Amino acid sequence: MSKNVVIFGGSGFLGCYVAEELIKRGYGVTVADIRMSEYLPKKCVFVPCDILDRQKVSELITNDISYVYNFAGMANLDKAVSMPVETIESNIMGNLNILEGCRDKNIERYVYASSAYALSDKGSFYGVSKLASEKLTEEYFRAYGLKFTIIRYGSVYGERAYENNYLYSVLKSAITDKKIVHDRDGQEVREYIHAQDAAVMSADIIESEKYANEHIILTGIERMKRIELFIMIKEILNNDVDIRLNHELNDHHYKITPYSFHPSVCKKLVPNPYIDMGQGILDCIREIHSQGEED
């Protein structure tokens, strides 16, 4: 008998990939989001839902739901800096509404999509909101026995056009404008993981009890500086790209590591096998070109 899953924020960049992966594995998937995405698999059920609507959230989490994922809320760090109230409401109160909806139900696992910024002095209101939501998730386990897995995602990329798909945005600028403009010095290090790899591991997590009540860092092994990424893109595009580094430091983003000292312990997962970075970039380029041809 297949188990049922609700994915809040399932129309988002990573949520769509996770919905697709879970359907492949035979789960019954309901996506709850403000709007429907063109990337959602046909076999999922879409329900319009704002996570700030506590009653609607509660109605969706019925007793036949086994797993609940939360990918909803503010996902853009720079927007979070300029929109602190909206960020706190969406990321903290929205998460609280979902947790409350799971309370006293037959939920086997609640999966909260957090960020590396949750354990960082960087990240401004975004990092604060993620850490607070992690603490709320932990407390619902202690108080009500709601099992959880908190996933702190690394730098996820893919071939789908989403606002928070950084690499796709860079590629689109390189292809359409023949330039890459970056406001820092390009020395920031990131560990890239393809969204498909991240989705596979996000699904693996609910199928093993060893991840219950754990904090997981989910990242790739493609570790490189931003400038190295830009140069790779330039070479793939036959060197017909102008790279401009403005060197205007934004202190809300980390340079080498997002982590500041914190006493909690977190396990790190990396995909094996994984989608090669070069191949992933080529897939993104093909998708951007196909979108251009359709326009």
Protein backbone atom coordinates (compact mmCIF):
# COMPACT_ATOMS: atom_id res chain seq x y z
CA MET A 1 0.00 0.00 0.00
CA SER A 2 1.45 3.35 -1.06
CA LYS A 3 1.90 6.07 1.53
CA ASN A 4 0.70 9.64 1.15
CA VAL A 5 2.83 12.77 1.33
CA VAL A 6 2.02 16.48 1.52
CA ILE A 7 4.66 18.88 0.22
CA PHE A 8 4.14 22.48 1.30
CA GLY A 9 5.96 24.74 -1.14
CA GLY A 10 6.01 21.86 -3.62
CA SER A 11 5.67 24.21 -6.60
CA GLY A 12 9.03 25.76 -5.76
CA PHE A 13 12.41 24.97 -7.30
CA LEU A 14 13.44 22.02 -5.13
CA GLY A 15 9.90 21.02 -4.15
CA CYS A 16 9.02 20.11 -7.76
CA TYR A 17 11.99 17.76 -8.01
CA VAL A 18 11.10 16.10 -4.71
CA ALA A 19 7.46 15.66 -5.79
CA GLU A 20 8.67 14.03 -9.00
CA GLU A 21 11.03 11.67 -7.15
CA LEU A 22 8.40 10.61 -4.62
CA ILE A 23 5.87 9.85 -7.36
CA LYS A 24 8.48 7.68 -9.11
CA ARG A 25 8.71 5.69 -5.87
CA GLY A 26 4.96 5.13 -5.69
CA TYR A 27 3.95 7.69 -3.07
CA GLY A 28 0.67 9.55 -3.28
CA VAL A 29 1.76 13.20 -3.46
CA THR A 30 -0.25 16.34 -2.69
CA VAL A 31 1.45 19.66 -3.41
CA ALA A 32 0.22 22.62 -1.36
CA ASP A 33 1.40 26.00 -2.59
CA ILE A 34 0.20 29.50 -3.42
CA ARG A 35 0.45 28.83 -7.14
CA MET A 36 0.83 25.84 -9.43
CA SER A 37 4.09 25.27 -11.28
CA GLU A 38 4.39 24.08 -14.88
CA TYR A 39 7.07 21.68 -13.65
CA LEU A 40 4.80 19.71 -11.33
CA PRO A 41 4.33 16.07 -12.35
CA LYS A 42 0.86 15.26 -13.64
CA LYS A 43 0.28 12.49 -11.11
CA CYS A 44 0.44 14.78 -8.10
CA VAL A 45 -2.59 16.54 -6.63
CA PHE A 46 -2.28 20.33 -6.40
CA VAL A 47 -4.13 22.29 -3.71
CA PRO A 48 -3.86 26.10 -3.46
CA CYS A 49 -2.66 26.92 0.05
CA ASP A 50 -0.96 29.76 1.90
CA ILE A 51 0.94 28.35 4.89
CA LEU A 52 -0.17 31.39 6.91
CA ASP A 53 -3.73 30.06 6.66
CA ARG A 54 -3.68 27.76 9.68
CA GLN A 55 -7.10 26.24 9.04
CA LYS A 56 -6.33 25.37 5.41
CA VAL A 57 -2.99 23.84 6.42
CA SER A 58 -4.68 21.73 9.11
CA GLU A 59 -7.34 20.50 6.66
CA LEU A 60 -4.66 19.21 4.29
CA ILE A 61 -2.85 17.15 6.94
CA THR A 62 -5.33 14.33 7.38
CA ASN A 63 -4.83 11.07 9.25
CA ASP A 64 -3.96 9.20 6.05
CA ILE A 65 -0.87 11.38 5.49
CA SER A 66 2.38 9.65 6.45
CA TYR A 67 4.97 12.32 5.63
CA VAL A 68 4.97 16.10 5.44
CA TYR A 69 7.67 18.23 3.78
CA ASN A 70 7.99 21.98 4.23
CA PHE A 71 9.77 23.82 1.39
CA ALA A 72 7.52 26.88 1.69
CA GLY A 73 8.39 30.40 2.79
CA MET A 74 10.93 33.07 1.92
CA ALA A 75 13.90 31.48 0.16
CA ASN A 76 15.79 34.55 -1.12
CA LEU A 77 18.37 35.88 1.32
CA ASP A 78 18.62 39.33 -0.27
CA LYS A 79 14.85 39.78 -0.26
CA ALA A 80 14.76 38.65 3.36
CA VAL A 81 17.11 41.48 4.30
CA SER A 82 14.70 44.07 2.89
CA MET A 83 11.54 42.23 4.03
CA PRO A 84 12.13 41.18 7.66
CA VAL A 85 8.46 41.11 8.73
CA GLU A 86 7.36 39.02 5.76
CA THR A 87 10.32 36.69 6.25
CA ILE A 88 9.59 36.07 9.92
CA GLU A 89 5.87 35.60 9.27
CA SER A 90 6.33 33.21 6.37
CA ASN A 91 9.29 31.18 7.60
CA ILE A 92 8.51 30.99 11.31
CA MET A 93 4.73 31.35 11.64
CA GLY A 94 4.16 29.34 8.45
CA ASN A 95 6.32 26.52 9.78
CA LEU A 96 4.53 26.69 13.13
CA ASN A 97 1.16 26.33 11.38
CA ILE A 98 2.37 23.19 9.59
CA LEU A 99 3.81 21.73 12.80
CA GLU A 100 0.53 22.39 14.58
CA GLY A 101 -1.33 20.73 11.71
CA CYS A 102 0.84 17.63 12.17
CA ARG A 103 0.23 17.50 15.92
CA ASP A 104 -1.85 14.53 17.09
CA LYS A 105 -1.96 13.09 13.56
CA ASN A 106 -0.41 9.85 12.29
CA ILE A 107 2.60 11.59 10.75
CA GLU A 108 5.61 9.28 10.57
CA ARG A 109 8.08 12.07 9.78
CA TYR A 110 8.09 15.83 9.34
CA VAL A 111 10.84 17.05 6.99
CA TYR A 112 11.86 20.69 7.33
CA ALA A 113 13.92 22.30 4.58
CA SER A 114 16.38 24.53 6.40
CA SER A 115 19.62 26.15 5.30
CA ALA A 116 23.30 26.24 6.14
CA TYR A 117 22.63 29.81 7.26
CA ALA A 118 20.72 28.46 10.28
CA LEU A 119 24.07 27.93 12.01
CA SER A 120 25.75 31.07 10.77
CA ASP A 121 26.34 34.62 11.92
CA LYS A 122 25.60 35.49 8.29
CA GLY A 123 22.22 35.29 6.61
CA SER A 124 20.49 38.17 8.42
CA PHE A 125 16.74 37.64 8.98
CA TYR A 126 16.73 34.62 6.68
CA GLY A 127 19.23 32.76 8.89
CA VAL A 128 17.39 33.82 12.04
CA SER A 129 14.08 32.53 10.66
CA LYS A 130 15.59 29.17 9.70
CA LEU A 131 17.21 28.65 13.11
CA ALA A 132 14.01 29.58 14.93
CA SER A 133 12.05 27.14 12.76
CA GLU A 134 14.54 24.38 13.48
CA LYS A 135 14.09 24.97 17.21
CA LEU A 136 10.31 24.87 16.88
CA THR A 137 10.56 21.60 14.95
CA GLU A 138 12.77 20.06 17.64
CA GLU A 139 10.41 21.23 20.37
CA TYR A 140 7.38 19.62 18.71
CA PHE A 141 9.23 16.32 18.89
CA ARG A 142 10.05 16.79 22.57
CA ALA A 143 6.54 17.96 23.48
CA TYR A 144 4.37 15.86 21.18
CA GLY A 145 6.58 13.10 19.75
CA LEU A 146 6.45 14.42 16.17
CA LYS A 147 9.45 12.78 14.50
CA PHE A 148 11.42 15.08 12.21
CA THR A 149 14.37 15.39 9.90
CA ILE A 150 15.90 18.82 9.38
CA ILE A 151 17.76 19.16 6.07
CA ARG A 152 20.20 22.01 5.58
CA TYR A 153 20.64 22.27 1.84
CA GLY A 154 23.80 23.46 0.12
CA SER A 155 23.94 25.33 -3.21
CA VAL A 156 21.27 23.59 -5.28
CA TYR A 157 21.06 24.17 -9.02
CA GLY A 158 19.11 22.75 -11.97
CA GLU A 159 17.78 23.39 -15.46
CA ARG A 160 14.48 24.93 -14.40
CA ALA A 161 13.82 28.68 -14.43
CA TYR A 162 13.25 29.72 -10.81
CA GLU A 163 14.16 32.97 -9.09
CA ASN A 164 16.23 31.19 -6.43
CA ASN A 165 18.08 29.00 -8.98
CA TYR A 166 21.26 31.08 -8.91
CA LEU A 167 23.26 29.13 -11.46
CA TYR A 168 20.40 29.21 -13.98
CA SER A 169 20.19 33.01 -13.63
CA VAL A 170 23.93 33.34 -14.20
CA LEU A 171 23.75 31.12 -17.29
CA LYS A 172 20.81 33.02 -18.72
CA SER A 173 22.68 36.30 -18.37
CA ALA A 174 25.78 34.75 -19.96
CA ILE A 175 23.77 33.43 -22.91
CA THR A 176 21.40 36.33 -23.55
CA ASP A 177 23.58 39.31 -22.51
CA LYS A 178 27.00 37.66 -23.00
CA LYS A 179 28.08 38.83 -19.55
CA ILE A 180 28.21 37.73 -15.93
CA VAL A 181 28.03 40.51 -13.35
CA HIS A 182 28.91 39.62 -9.75
CA ASP A 183 28.90 42.02 -6.77
CA ARG A 184 31.70 40.30 -4.86
CA ASP A 185 35.29 39.28 -5.60
CA GLY A 186 34.38 35.80 -6.84
CA GLN A 187 36.42 34.03 -4.15
CA GLU A 188 33.33 32.70 -2.31
CA VAL A 189 33.34 28.92 -2.15
CA ARG A 190 30.18 26.87 -2.72
CA GLU A 191 29.42 23.12 -2.83
CA TYR A 192 27.03 22.61 -5.72
CA ILE A 193 24.47 19.85 -5.92
CA HIS A 194 22.02 19.21 -8.73
CA ALA A 195 18.37 19.45 -7.64
CA GLN A 196 17.72 15.94 -8.92
CA ASP A 197 20.45 14.53 -6.66
CA ALA A 198 19.09 16.57 -3.76
CA ALA A 199 15.59 15.23 -4.44
CA VAL A 200 16.75 11.61 -4.45
CA MET A 201 18.41 12.02 -1.07
CA SER A 202 15.43 13.99 0.27
CA ALA A 203 13.27 10.97 -0.56
CA ASP A 204 15.83 8.48 0.81
CA ILE A 205 15.67 10.25 4.16
CA ILE A 206 12.05 9.29 4.91
CA GLU A 207 12.73 5.65 3.96
CA SER A 208 15.27 5.10 6.73
CA GLU A 209 14.79 5.44 10.47
CA LYS A 210 18.44 6.36 10.89
CA TYR A 211 17.53 9.89 9.77
CA ALA A 212 14.70 10.29 12.27
CA ASN A 213 15.22 13.26 14.61
CA GLU A 214 18.48 14.14 12.88
CA HIS A 215 19.96 17.27 11.35
CA ILE A 216 21.32 16.57 7.87
CA ILE A 217 23.58 18.71 5.71
CA LEU A 218 22.74 17.80 2.14
CA THR A 219 25.30 19.04 -0.32
CA GLY A 220 27.36 18.03 -3.31
CA ILE A 221 31.03 17.36 -3.89
CA GLU A 222 31.39 19.97 -6.64
CA ARG A 223 33.25 22.47 -4.45
CA MET A 224 34.47 25.55 -6.30
CA LYS A 225 34.87 29.30 -6.11
CA ARG A 226 32.35 31.52 -7.85
CA ILE A 227 35.03 32.79 -10.23
CA GLU A 228 35.89 29.20 -11.19
CA LEU A 229 32.22 28.61 -11.99
CA PHE A 230 32.12 31.77 -14.12
CA ILE A 231 35.25 30.73 -16.01
CA MET A 232 33.82 27.24 -16.60
CA ILE A 233 30.67 28.80 -18.07
CA LYS A 234 32.75 31.16 -20.20
CA GLU A 235 34.78 28.27 -21.61
CA ILE A 236 31.66 26.19 -22.33
CA LEU A 237 30.24 29.18 -24.22
CA ASN A 238 33.39 29.49 -26.38
CA ASN A 239 34.84 32.33 -24.26
CA ASP A 240 32.18 34.73 -25.58
CA VAL A 241 31.26 36.02 -22.12
CA ASP A 242 32.41 39.13 -20.25
CA ILE A 243 32.96 38.49 -16.50
CA ARG A 244 32.61 41.60 -14.33
CA LEU A 245 33.44 41.51 -10.61
CA ASN A 246 32.29 44.62 -8.74
CA HIS A 247 34.02 43.71 -5.43
CA GLU A 248 31.13 45.24 -3.45
CA LEU A 249 31.03 42.93 -0.46
CA ASN A 250 27.63 41.91 0.85
CA ASP A 251 28.18 40.86 4.45
CA HIS A 252 24.97 38.81 4.54
CA HIS A 253 26.53 36.09 2.37
CA TYR A 254 29.34 33.80 3.52
CA LYS A 255 32.69 33.51 1.74
CA ILE A 256 34.21 30.12 2.62
CA THR A 257 31.82 28.55 5.12
CA PRO A 258 28.42 29.56 6.51
CA TYR A 259 29.03 27.87 9.84
CA SER A 260 29.64 29.62 13.13
CA PHE A 261 30.30 27.57 16.26
CA HIS A 262 27.21 25.82 17.60
CA PRO A 263 27.06 22.85 20.00
CA SER A 264 24.57 20.77 17.99
CA VAL A 265 25.81 17.93 15.77
CA CYS A 266 24.83 17.57 12.13
CA LYS A 267 25.44 14.71 9.68
CA LYS A 268 26.53 15.47 6.13
CA LEU A 269 25.25 13.58 3.09
CA VAL A 270 26.59 13.77 -0.45
CA PRO A 271 25.18 12.04 -3.54
CA ASN A 272 26.83 8.91 -4.89
CA PRO A 273 26.61 8.68 -7.84
CA TYR A 274 25.92 12.30 -8.74
CA ILE A 275 25.23 14.51 -11.76
CA ASP A 276 28.52 15.99 -13.00
CA MET A 277 28.70 19.80 -12.75
CA GLY A 278 29.72 20.25 -16.38
CA GLN A 279 26.88 18.03 -17.57
CA GLY A 280 24.46 19.85 -15.30
CA ILE A 281 25.51 23.19 -16.76
CA LEU A 282 25.08 21.87 -20.31
CA ASP A 283 21.55 20.70 -19.44
CA CYS A 284 20.77 24.19 -18.12
CA ILE A 285 22.12 25.79 -21.31
CA ARG A 286 20.01 23.51 -23.50
CA GLU A 287 16.90 24.41 -21.50
CA ILE A 288 17.62 28.15 -21.76
CA HIS A 289 18.10 27.86 -25.53
CA SER A 290 14.87 25.86 -25.89
CA GLN A 291 12.99 28.53 -23.91
CA GLY A 292 14.43 31.18 -26.22
CA GLU A 293 13.26 29.30 -29.29
CA GLU A 294 9.74 29.02 -27.84
CA ASP A 295 9.64 32.79 -27.18
